[in-house]
Amino acid sequence: MEKVLIAYASRTGNTRQIAEYIAEGIRIGGAEAAVKDVKDIKKVEELEDYSAVIVGSPTYHGEMLQSAKTFLFLMEKANLKDKVGGAFGSYGWSGEAQDRIYNTMRNIFEMNVSGGAFRLKSPEVKGAVKVSQDYGRTIVKKLKRYS
């Protein structure tokens, strides 16, 4: 069974909650999902067992959180070329963090990223659970296509 890592950075818990919703969609789609705070992943070897890596961070003052940046530096040391990836997060009024994560995964790591960055204003908005689960299912479909 395919295994997907959903690594998130969160200040208020919103991005963590979105990660949990995405994980539900991944499980519904037929893959295993592990949800972890980026601060808890310390070694490149911890990324090796996953078929896909999805990274989330809120946008705070136009940037991703520092812990997400640090995690991307760790990811850079892993061989993630052609692995399925995705970027997501919450935002207040902009949403640049998700695009930066997505573009780093696509252009620097050469990952097979899913369609675009996924962003939600809040996990509390109407329909948030469904669209997050749909994003998770999209990742699983992409995994099945490229595995």
N, C-alpha and C. Protein backbone atom coordinates (compact mmCIF):
# COMPACT_ATOMS: atom_id res chain seq x y z
N MET A 1 0.84 -1.18 0.00
CA MET A 1 0.00 0.00 0.00
C MET A 1 0.89 1.25 0.00
N GLU A 2 0.50 2.22 -0.80
CA GLU A 2 1.24 3.48 -0.88
C GLU A 2 1.13 4.23 0.45
N LYS A 3 2.23 4.90 0.82
CA LYS A 3 2.26 5.67 2.06
C LYS A 3 2.52 7.13 1.74
N VAL A 4 1.72 8.01 2.34
CA VAL A 4 1.84 9.45 2.09
C VAL A 4 2.15 10.15 3.41
N LEU A 5 3.16 11.02 3.36
CA LEU A 5 3.50 11.86 4.51
C LEU A 5 2.87 13.22 4.30
N ILE A 6 2.11 13.66 5.30
CA ILE A 6 1.58 15.01 5.31
C ILE A 6 2.31 15.72 6.44
N ALA A 7 3.27 16.56 6.07
CA ALA A 7 4.08 17.29 7.04
C ALA A 7 3.58 18.73 7.07
N TYR A 8 3.34 19.24 8.26
CA TYR A 8 2.76 20.58 8.36
C TYR A 8 3.50 21.42 9.40
N ALA A 9 3.43 22.72 9.20
CA ALA A 9 3.83 23.72 10.20
C ALA A 9 2.56 24.49 10.52
N SER A 10 2.34 24.78 11.79
CA SER A 10 1.10 25.46 12.17
C SER A 10 1.34 26.37 13.36
N ARG A 11 0.73 27.53 13.33
CA ARG A 11 0.80 28.46 14.47
C ARG A 11 -0.43 28.33 15.35
N THR A 12 -1.60 28.27 14.73
CA THR A 12 -2.85 28.30 15.47
C THR A 12 -3.61 26.99 15.45
N GLY A 13 -3.11 26.01 14.70
CA GLY A 13 -3.79 24.72 14.57
C GLY A 13 -4.59 24.58 13.29
N ASN A 14 -4.79 25.67 12.54
CA ASN A 14 -5.58 25.59 11.30
C ASN A 14 -4.93 24.68 10.26
N THR A 15 -3.63 24.85 10.04
CA THR A 15 -2.96 24.04 9.03
C THR A 15 -2.88 22.59 9.47
N ARG A 16 -2.72 22.36 10.76
CA ARG A 16 -2.75 20.99 11.29
C ARG A 16 -4.10 20.34 11.00
N GLN A 17 -5.18 21.09 11.21
CA GLN A 17 -6.52 20.54 10.97
C GLN A 17 -6.73 20.23 9.48
N ILE A 18 -6.25 21.10 8.61
CA ILE A 18 -6.35 20.84 7.17
C ILE A 18 -5.56 19.58 6.83
N ALA A 19 -4.39 19.40 7.44
CA ALA A 19 -3.58 18.19 7.21
C ALA A 19 -4.37 16.94 7.59
N GLU A 20 -5.09 16.99 8.68
CA GLU A 20 -5.91 15.85 9.12
C GLU A 20 -7.02 15.55 8.12
N TYR A 21 -7.65 16.60 7.59
CA TYR A 21 -8.70 16.40 6.58
C TYR A 21 -8.12 15.78 5.31
N ILE A 22 -6.95 16.27 4.88
CA ILE A 22 -6.30 15.71 3.70
C ILE A 22 -5.98 14.24 3.93
N ALA A 23 -5.50 13.92 5.14
CA ALA A 23 -5.18 12.52 5.48
C ALA A 23 -6.42 11.64 5.37
N GLU A 24 -7.57 12.16 5.79
CA GLU A 24 -8.82 11.39 5.65
C GLU A 24 -9.07 11.06 4.18
N GLY A 25 -8.88 12.04 3.30
CA GLY A 25 -9.07 11.81 1.86
C GLY A 25 -8.10 10.79 1.30
N ILE A 26 -6.88 10.82 1.79
CA ILE A 26 -5.87 9.85 1.35
C ILE A 26 -6.29 8.44 1.77
N ARG A 27 -6.75 8.30 2.98
CA ARG A 27 -7.20 6.99 3.47
C ARG A 27 -8.44 6.52 2.70
N ILE A 28 -9.37 7.43 2.46
CA ILE A 28 -10.56 7.08 1.67
C ILE A 28 -10.14 6.62 0.28
N GLY A 29 -9.08 7.26 -0.27
CA GLY A 29 -8.58 6.92 -1.60
C GLY A 29 -7.81 5.61 -1.65
N GLY A 30 -7.53 5.03 -0.49
CA GLY A 30 -6.90 3.72 -0.46
C GLY A 30 -5.41 3.70 -0.17
N ALA A 31 -4.87 4.75 0.40
CA ALA A 31 -3.45 4.79 0.77
C ALA A 31 -3.33 5.06 2.27
N GLU A 32 -2.15 4.79 2.80
CA GLU A 32 -1.85 5.11 4.20
C GLU A 32 -1.44 6.58 4.29
N ALA A 33 -1.78 7.21 5.40
CA ALA A 33 -1.41 8.61 5.61
C ALA A 33 -0.80 8.78 6.99
N ALA A 34 0.32 9.49 7.04
CA ALA A 34 0.96 9.85 8.31
C ALA A 34 0.99 11.37 8.39
N VAL A 35 0.43 11.91 9.44
CA VAL A 35 0.40 13.35 9.65
C VAL A 35 1.42 13.69 10.72
N LYS A 36 2.41 14.56 10.37
CA LYS A 36 3.46 14.90 11.31
C LYS A 36 3.78 16.39 11.25
N ASP A 37 4.08 16.93 12.42
CA ASP A 37 4.59 18.30 12.51
C ASP A 37 5.99 18.30 11.92
N VAL A 38 6.31 19.29 11.09
CA VAL A 38 7.63 19.33 10.46
C VAL A 38 8.76 19.35 11.49
N LYS A 39 8.49 19.90 12.66
CA LYS A 39 9.51 19.96 13.72
C LYS A 39 9.88 18.58 14.26
N ASP A 40 9.01 17.61 14.04
CA ASP A 40 9.25 16.26 14.55
C ASP A 40 10.03 15.38 13.57
N ILE A 41 10.31 15.89 12.39
CA ILE A 41 11.06 15.13 11.38
C ILE A 41 12.47 15.71 11.33
N LYS A 42 13.42 14.92 11.78
CA LYS A 42 14.79 15.42 11.96
C LYS A 42 15.80 14.86 10.96
N LYS A 43 15.50 13.71 10.35
CA LYS A 43 16.47 13.04 9.50
C LYS A 43 15.90 12.77 8.11
N VAL A 44 16.76 12.88 7.12
CA VAL A 44 16.37 12.59 5.74
C VAL A 44 15.80 11.19 5.62
N GLU A 45 16.36 10.25 6.35
CA GLU A 45 15.91 8.85 6.28
C GLU A 45 14.44 8.70 6.64
N GLU A 46 13.91 9.63 7.39
CA GLU A 46 12.49 9.56 7.78
C GLU A 46 11.56 9.80 6.58
N LEU A 47 12.10 10.27 5.46
CA LEU A 47 11.30 10.53 4.27
C LEU A 47 11.31 9.37 3.29
N GLU A 48 12.20 8.43 3.48
CA GLU A 48 12.44 7.37 2.50
C GLU A 48 11.28 6.41 2.30
N ASP A 49 10.49 6.15 3.31
CA ASP A 49 9.44 5.14 3.21
C ASP A 49 8.15 5.64 2.56
N TYR A 50 8.12 6.90 2.16
CA TYR A 50 6.89 7.48 1.64
C TYR A 50 6.91 7.58 0.13
N SER A 51 5.78 7.25 -0.47
CA SER A 51 5.61 7.37 -1.92
C SER A 51 5.31 8.81 -2.32
N ALA A 52 4.77 9.57 -1.39
CA ALA A 52 4.42 10.97 -1.65
C ALA A 52 4.67 11.78 -0.38
N VAL A 53 5.00 13.05 -0.59
CA VAL A 53 5.19 13.98 0.53
C VAL A 53 4.39 15.24 0.22
N ILE A 54 3.54 15.61 1.16
CA ILE A 54 2.74 16.82 1.04
C ILE A 54 3.18 17.73 2.19
N VAL A 55 3.44 18.99 1.89
CA VAL A 55 3.93 19.92 2.89
C VAL A 55 2.97 21.09 3.02
N GLY A 56 2.67 21.44 4.27
CA GLY A 56 1.76 22.55 4.52
C GLY A 56 2.31 23.57 5.48
N SER A 57 1.98 24.82 5.22
CA SER A 57 2.33 25.92 6.11
C SER A 57 1.32 27.03 5.91
N PRO A 58 1.00 27.73 6.98
CA PRO A 58 0.19 28.93 6.79
C PRO A 58 1.06 30.02 6.18
N THR A 59 0.41 31.01 5.60
CA THR A 59 1.12 32.21 5.17
C THR A 59 1.02 33.20 6.31
N TYR A 60 2.18 33.65 6.79
CA TYR A 60 2.23 34.60 7.90
C TYR A 60 3.16 35.73 7.47
N HIS A 61 2.62 36.93 7.36
CA HIS A 61 3.37 38.08 6.87
C HIS A 61 3.99 37.79 5.50
N GLY A 62 3.23 37.13 4.63
CA GLY A 62 3.67 36.86 3.27
C GLY A 62 4.66 35.72 3.12
N GLU A 63 4.93 35.00 4.18
CA GLU A 63 5.94 33.94 4.15
C GLU A 63 5.39 32.66 4.78
N MET A 64 6.08 31.54 4.49
CA MET A 64 5.80 30.30 5.21
C MET A 64 6.49 30.40 6.57
N LEU A 65 6.08 29.58 7.51
CA LEU A 65 6.72 29.57 8.82
C LEU A 65 8.16 29.08 8.70
N GLN A 66 9.03 29.55 9.59
CA GLN A 66 10.44 29.16 9.56
C GLN A 66 10.61 27.65 9.67
N SER A 67 9.78 26.99 10.46
CA SER A 67 9.90 25.54 10.59
C SER A 67 9.63 24.83 9.26
N ALA A 68 8.75 25.39 8.43
CA ALA A 68 8.50 24.82 7.10
C ALA A 68 9.72 25.04 6.20
N LYS A 69 10.34 26.21 6.28
CA LYS A 69 11.56 26.46 5.49
C LYS A 69 12.66 25.48 5.89
N THR A 70 12.82 25.29 7.19
CA THR A 70 13.84 24.35 7.67
C THR A 70 13.56 22.95 7.16
N PHE A 71 12.30 22.56 7.14
CA PHE A 71 11.93 21.24 6.63
C PHE A 71 12.25 21.12 5.13
N LEU A 72 12.02 22.18 4.37
CA LEU A 72 12.35 22.14 2.95
C LEU A 72 13.85 21.95 2.73
N PHE A 73 14.67 22.55 3.60
CA PHE A 73 16.13 22.33 3.51
C PHE A 73 16.47 20.87 3.77
N LEU A 74 15.77 20.25 4.71
CA LEU A 74 15.96 18.82 4.96
C LEU A 74 15.53 18.01 3.74
N MET A 75 14.39 18.35 3.18
CA MET A 75 13.88 17.64 2.00
C MET A 75 14.85 17.73 0.83
N GLU A 76 15.54 18.85 0.73
CA GLU A 76 16.48 19.05 -0.37
C GLU A 76 17.59 18.00 -0.37
N LYS A 77 17.89 17.45 0.80
CA LYS A 77 18.95 16.44 0.92
C LYS A 77 18.45 15.05 0.54
N ALA A 78 17.15 14.88 0.45
CA ALA A 78 16.57 13.58 0.09
C ALA A 78 16.46 13.48 -1.43
N ASN A 79 16.41 12.28 -1.92
CA ASN A 79 16.21 12.08 -3.35
C ASN A 79 14.71 11.97 -3.61
N LEU A 80 14.09 13.10 -3.90
CA LEU A 80 12.64 13.14 -4.09
C LEU A 80 12.24 13.31 -5.56
N LYS A 81 13.21 13.30 -6.44
CA LYS A 81 12.92 13.50 -7.86
C LYS A 81 11.87 12.48 -8.33
N ASP A 82 10.86 13.00 -8.98
CA ASP A 82 9.75 12.23 -9.54
C ASP A 82 8.79 11.65 -8.52
N LYS A 83 9.04 11.84 -7.22
CA LYS A 83 8.03 11.42 -6.22
C LYS A 83 6.86 12.37 -6.30
N VAL A 84 5.69 11.88 -5.95
CA VAL A 84 4.49 12.71 -5.92
C VAL A 84 4.57 13.65 -4.73
N GLY A 85 4.15 14.89 -4.94
CA GLY A 85 4.18 15.88 -3.87
C GLY A 85 2.99 16.82 -3.96
N GLY A 86 2.85 17.61 -2.92
CA GLY A 86 1.79 18.60 -2.88
C GLY A 86 2.08 19.64 -1.83
N ALA A 87 1.41 20.78 -1.95
CA ALA A 87 1.57 21.88 -1.01
C ALA A 87 0.20 22.39 -0.60
N PHE A 88 0.06 22.74 0.67
CA PHE A 88 -1.22 23.22 1.17
C PHE A 88 -1.01 24.16 2.35
N GLY A 89 -2.08 24.78 2.75
CA GLY A 89 -2.01 25.60 3.96
C GLY A 89 -3.18 26.55 4.09
N SER A 90 -3.17 27.24 5.21
CA SER A 90 -4.19 28.25 5.50
C SER A 90 -3.56 29.63 5.29
N TYR A 91 -4.42 30.62 5.20
CA TYR A 91 -3.92 31.97 4.98
C TYR A 91 -4.91 32.98 5.53
N GLY A 92 -4.43 34.19 5.76
CA GLY A 92 -5.31 35.26 6.21
C GLY A 92 -5.83 36.07 5.04
N TRP A 93 -4.94 36.72 4.31
CA TRP A 93 -5.38 37.53 3.19
C TRP A 93 -4.56 37.32 1.91
N SER A 94 -3.53 36.50 1.98
CA SER A 94 -2.72 36.32 0.77
C SER A 94 -2.59 34.84 0.42
N GLY A 95 -1.54 34.17 0.77
CA GLY A 95 -1.40 32.74 0.47
C GLY A 95 -0.14 32.41 -0.28
N GLU A 96 0.88 33.23 -0.14
CA GLU A 96 2.13 33.00 -0.88
C GLU A 96 2.88 31.76 -0.43
N ALA A 97 2.76 31.37 0.82
CA ALA A 97 3.54 30.24 1.35
C ALA A 97 3.29 28.96 0.55
N GLN A 98 2.06 28.69 0.24
CA GLN A 98 1.73 27.46 -0.47
C GLN A 98 2.36 27.45 -1.87
N ASP A 99 2.35 28.59 -2.54
CA ASP A 99 2.97 28.66 -3.87
C ASP A 99 4.48 28.48 -3.78
N ARG A 100 5.09 29.03 -2.76
CA ARG A 100 6.54 28.89 -2.60
C ARG A 100 6.93 27.43 -2.34
N ILE A 101 6.15 26.78 -1.51
CA ILE A 101 6.42 25.36 -1.23
C ILE A 101 6.23 24.56 -2.52
N TYR A 102 5.12 24.79 -3.19
CA TYR A 102 4.82 24.08 -4.44
C TYR A 102 5.93 24.27 -5.47
N ASN A 103 6.34 25.51 -5.69
CA ASN A 103 7.37 25.79 -6.69
C ASN A 103 8.72 25.21 -6.31
N THR A 104 9.04 25.18 -5.04
CA THR A 104 10.28 24.55 -4.58
C THR A 104 10.24 23.06 -4.88
N MET A 105 9.14 22.42 -4.58
CA MET A 105 9.00 20.98 -4.82
C MET A 105 9.09 20.68 -6.32
N ARG A 106 8.44 21.50 -7.12
CA ARG A 106 8.41 21.25 -8.57
C ARG A 106 9.74 21.59 -9.24
N ASN A 107 10.30 22.76 -8.94
CA ASN A 107 11.45 23.26 -9.69
C ASN A 107 12.81 22.87 -9.09
N ILE A 108 12.91 22.79 -7.79
CA ILE A 108 14.19 22.47 -7.15
C ILE A 108 14.31 20.96 -6.91
N PHE A 109 13.27 20.38 -6.32
CA PHE A 109 13.31 18.94 -6.00
C PHE A 109 12.91 18.07 -7.19
N GLU A 110 12.31 18.68 -8.22
CA GLU A 110 11.83 17.98 -9.42
C GLU A 110 10.83 16.88 -9.07
N MET A 111 9.94 17.21 -8.15
CA MET A 111 8.89 16.27 -7.76
C MET A 111 7.73 16.36 -8.74
N ASN A 112 6.92 15.35 -8.74
CA ASN A 112 5.73 15.27 -9.57
C ASN A 112 4.57 15.83 -8.73
N VAL A 113 4.50 17.15 -8.67
CA VAL A 113 3.54 17.79 -7.78
C VAL A 113 2.14 17.82 -8.38
N SER A 114 1.18 17.79 -7.49
CA SER A 114 -0.22 17.74 -7.89
C SER A 114 -0.73 19.14 -8.24
N GLY A 115 -1.26 19.29 -9.40
CA GLY A 115 -1.97 20.42 -9.96
C GLY A 115 -1.76 21.84 -9.50
N GLY A 116 -1.36 22.12 -8.35
CA GLY A 116 -1.20 23.48 -7.84
C GLY A 116 -1.29 23.45 -6.33
N ALA A 117 -0.95 24.57 -5.74
CA ALA A 117 -1.00 24.66 -4.28
C ALA A 117 -2.46 24.69 -3.82
N PHE A 118 -2.73 23.98 -2.74
CA PHE A 118 -4.08 23.91 -2.17
C PHE A 118 -4.11 24.83 -0.95
N ARG A 119 -5.05 25.75 -0.92
CA ARG A 119 -5.12 26.68 0.20
C ARG A 119 -6.56 26.85 0.66
N LEU A 120 -6.68 27.03 1.96
CA LEU A 120 -7.98 27.32 2.57
C LEU A 120 -7.82 28.49 3.52
N LYS A 121 -8.78 29.35 3.53
CA LYS A 121 -8.76 30.47 4.48
C LYS A 121 -8.76 29.94 5.90
N SER A 122 -9.54 28.90 6.12
CA SER A 122 -9.65 28.31 7.45
C SER A 122 -10.28 26.92 7.31
N PRO A 123 -9.94 26.00 8.23
CA PRO A 123 -10.60 24.69 8.18
C PRO A 123 -12.06 24.77 8.63
N GLU A 124 -12.47 25.94 9.08
CA GLU A 124 -13.84 26.13 9.56
C GLU A 124 -14.80 26.60 8.48
N VAL A 125 -14.30 26.99 7.31
CA VAL A 125 -15.18 27.48 6.25
C VAL A 125 -16.06 26.35 5.74
N LYS A 126 -17.21 26.73 5.24
CA LYS A 126 -18.15 25.75 4.70
C LYS A 126 -17.49 24.97 3.57
N GLY A 127 -17.58 23.66 3.64
CA GLY A 127 -17.04 22.79 2.60
C GLY A 127 -15.57 22.45 2.77
N ALA A 128 -14.93 22.93 3.83
CA ALA A 128 -13.49 22.71 4.03
C ALA A 128 -13.14 21.23 4.13
N VAL A 129 -13.94 20.46 4.82
CA VAL A 129 -13.66 19.04 4.99
C VAL A 129 -13.67 18.35 3.63
N LYS A 130 -14.70 18.59 2.85
CA LYS A 130 -14.83 17.92 1.55
C LYS A 130 -13.71 18.30 0.59
N VAL A 131 -13.42 19.60 0.45
CA VAL A 131 -12.39 19.99 -0.51
C VAL A 131 -11.01 19.50 -0.07
N SER A 132 -10.77 19.43 1.24
CA SER A 132 -9.50 18.90 1.73
C SER A 132 -9.40 17.41 1.46
N GLN A 133 -10.48 16.69 1.72
CA GLN A 133 -10.49 15.25 1.43
C GLN A 133 -10.33 15.01 -0.07
N ASP A 134 -10.97 15.84 -0.88
CA ASP A 134 -10.82 15.71 -2.33
C ASP A 134 -9.37 15.90 -2.74
N TYR A 135 -8.68 16.84 -2.12
CA TYR A 135 -7.27 17.04 -2.43
C TYR A 135 -6.46 15.79 -2.08
N GLY A 136 -6.76 15.19 -0.93
CA GLY A 136 -6.10 13.94 -0.55
C GLY A 136 -6.35 12.82 -1.56
N ARG A 137 -7.59 12.70 -2.01
CA ARG A 137 -7.92 11.68 -3.01
C ARG A 137 -7.20 11.95 -4.34
N THR A 138 -7.02 13.22 -4.68
CA THR A 138 -6.30 13.59 -5.90
C THR A 138 -4.84 13.12 -5.82
N ILE A 139 -4.24 13.25 -4.65
CA ILE A 139 -2.85 12.80 -4.45
C ILE A 139 -2.78 11.28 -4.66
N VAL A 140 -3.73 10.54 -4.12
CA VAL A 140 -3.74 9.08 -4.27
C VAL A 140 -3.91 8.70 -5.74
N LYS A 141 -4.80 9.38 -6.45
CA LYS A 141 -4.98 9.09 -7.89
C LYS A 141 -3.68 9.32 -8.65
N LYS A 142 -2.99 10.38 -8.32
CA LYS A 142 -1.72 10.68 -8.98
C LYS A 142 -0.69 9.59 -8.64
N LEU A 143 -0.67 9.15 -7.40
CA LEU A 143 0.23 8.07 -6.99
C LEU A 143 -0.02 6.81 -7.80
N LYS A 144 -1.27 6.46 -7.96
CA LYS A 144 -1.63 5.25 -8.68
C LYS A 144 -1.25 5.35 -10.16
N ARG A 145 -1.32 6.56 -10.70
CA ARG A 145 -0.97 6.78 -12.09
C ARG A 145 0.53 6.67 -12.32
N TYR A 146 1.33 7.07 -11.33
CA TYR A 146 2.78 7.13 -11.52
C TYR A 146 3.56 6.07 -10.78
N SER A 147 2.87 5.09 -10.20
CA SER A 147 3.62 4.04 -9.49
C SER A 147 3.67 2.77 -10.29
